[in-house]
Amino acid sequence: MDHASRVLPAVLATAIRQAPLTPEKVAFAWRAAGGAAIARVTEVTLADGGVLKVQAQDPQWAKEVHRLRHDLVRQLEPWLGSGVVAKIEIAGGAARRPGRTSPGASS
């Protein structure tokens, strides 16, 4: 089982990387790279030139994604392929969506 737990993510990443580039694939890769918390409070769109546009629910989350942006680009590569995402552009909205929380907020 230990061998499978090490091999399975690499096999899955290879299969996903070879699939056509769709908005759903980008969203899946974003969740895998950033984790559930970041995926829950952001929306992503892959634009021309390898620019991943990230819309954060608020400025606090935008700041967190900005801080992690270089790591996130590297973590997207196994899922999307090298160079698919060249950079991340972040925008943080002032309006909050219902049921969403900011980093460090208690629930």
Protein backbone atom coordinates (compact mmCIF):
# COMPACT_ATOMS: atom_id res chain seq x y z
CA MET A 1 0.00 0.00 0.00
CA ASP A 2 2.85 2.42 0.72
CA HIS A 3 4.16 1.94 -2.82
CA ALA A 4 0.72 2.65 -4.26
CA SER A 5 0.36 5.84 -2.21
CA ARG A 6 3.61 7.13 -3.73
CA VAL A 7 2.96 6.01 -7.31
CA LEU A 8 -0.73 6.86 -7.67
CA PRO A 9 -0.37 10.68 -7.53
CA ALA A 10 2.31 10.60 -10.24
CA VAL A 11 0.18 8.35 -12.46
CA LEU A 12 -2.86 10.56 -11.93
CA ALA A 13 -0.88 13.73 -12.68
CA THR A 14 0.45 12.19 -15.90
CA ALA A 15 -3.04 11.20 -17.03
CA ILE A 16 -4.45 14.64 -16.27
CA ARG A 17 -1.51 16.44 -17.89
CA GLN A 18 -2.17 14.53 -21.13
CA ALA A 19 -5.88 15.44 -21.18
CA PRO A 20 -7.08 18.45 -23.20
CA LEU A 21 -6.70 21.82 -21.50
CA THR A 22 -10.18 22.75 -20.27
CA PRO A 23 -11.48 25.12 -17.58
CA GLU A 24 -12.37 22.04 -15.48
CA LYS A 25 -8.83 20.70 -15.76
CA VAL A 26 -7.40 24.08 -14.71
CA ALA A 27 -9.80 24.21 -11.74
CA PHE A 28 -8.82 20.66 -10.71
CA ALA A 29 -5.11 21.49 -10.96
CA TRP A 30 -5.66 24.70 -8.97
CA ARG A 31 -7.35 22.76 -6.18
CA ALA A 32 -4.57 20.15 -6.19
CA ALA A 33 -1.86 22.83 -6.12
CA GLY A 34 -3.41 25.28 -3.69
CA GLY A 35 -5.53 23.07 -1.51
CA ALA A 36 -9.21 23.08 -0.67
CA ALA A 37 -9.17 26.33 1.33
CA ILE A 38 -7.65 28.40 -1.47
CA ALA A 39 -9.82 26.71 -4.11
CA ARG A 40 -12.94 27.46 -2.06
CA VAL A 41 -12.26 31.23 -1.93
CA THR A 42 -10.92 31.79 -5.45
CA GLU A 43 -11.93 31.37 -9.07
CA VAL A 44 -9.34 30.81 -11.78
CA THR A 45 -9.20 31.36 -15.52
CA LEU A 46 -6.28 30.55 -17.79
CA ALA A 47 -5.78 33.44 -20.21
CA ASP A 48 -3.54 33.82 -23.24
CA GLY A 49 0.19 33.79 -22.68
CA GLY A 50 0.02 31.39 -19.74
CA VAL A 51 -1.49 33.94 -17.37
CA LEU A 52 -3.59 32.34 -14.65
CA LYS A 53 -6.09 34.95 -13.52
CA VAL A 54 -7.17 34.41 -9.94
CA GLN A 55 -10.16 36.21 -8.50
CA ALA A 56 -10.05 36.03 -4.70
CA GLN A 57 -13.14 36.62 -2.63
CA ASP A 58 -11.47 39.39 -0.65
CA PRO A 59 -8.20 41.30 -0.33
CA GLN A 60 -6.90 39.08 2.48
CA TRP A 61 -7.13 35.97 0.34
CA ALA A 62 -5.66 37.88 -2.61
CA LYS A 63 -2.65 38.73 -0.45
CA GLU A 64 -2.25 35.09 0.59
CA VAL A 65 -2.36 33.86 -3.02
CA HIS A 66 0.08 36.60 -4.03
CA ARG A 67 2.49 35.45 -1.32
CA LEU A 68 2.28 31.84 -2.59
CA ARG A 69 2.17 32.60 -6.33
CA HIS A 70 5.65 31.31 -7.26
CA ASP A 71 5.12 28.07 -5.34
CA LEU A 72 1.67 27.67 -6.90
CA VAL A 73 3.07 28.00 -10.43
CA ARG A 74 5.55 25.21 -9.65
CA GLN A 75 2.84 23.05 -8.06
CA LEU A 76 0.62 23.42 -11.14
CA GLU A 77 3.29 22.02 -13.48
CA PRO A 78 2.78 18.32 -12.68
CA TRP A 79 -0.93 18.71 -13.45
CA LEU A 80 -0.90 21.06 -16.45
CA GLY A 81 2.60 20.69 -17.86
CA SER A 82 5.70 22.84 -17.80
CA GLY A 83 5.15 26.40 -18.97
CA VAL A 84 1.36 26.19 -19.26
CA VAL A 85 1.09 28.69 -16.40
CA ALA A 86 3.81 31.31 -16.76
CA LYS A 87 2.50 33.67 -14.08
CA ILE A 88 -0.40 34.31 -11.77
CA GLU A 89 -2.33 37.57 -11.68
CA ILE A 90 -4.47 38.10 -8.60
CA ALA A 91 -7.47 40.33 -7.99
CA GLY A 92 -9.20 40.53 -4.62
CA GLY A 93 -12.82 41.53 -4.50
CA ALA A 94 -14.27 43.68 -1.78
CA ALA A 95 -17.61 41.88 -1.86
CA ARG A 96 -17.87 38.71 0.18
CA ARG A 97 -19.70 35.67 -1.03
CA PRO A 98 -22.08 34.04 1.45
CA GLY A 99 -20.59 31.23 3.50
CA ARG A 100 -16.96 32.18 2.76
CA THR A 101 -14.35 32.99 5.38
CA SER A 102 -11.10 34.93 5.41
CA PRO A 103 -7.73 33.48 6.47
CA GLY A 104 -7.58 33.25 10.23
CA ALA A 105 -11.29 33.81 10.73
CA SER A 106 -12.95 31.59 13.27
CA SER A 107 -15.90 29.50 12.19
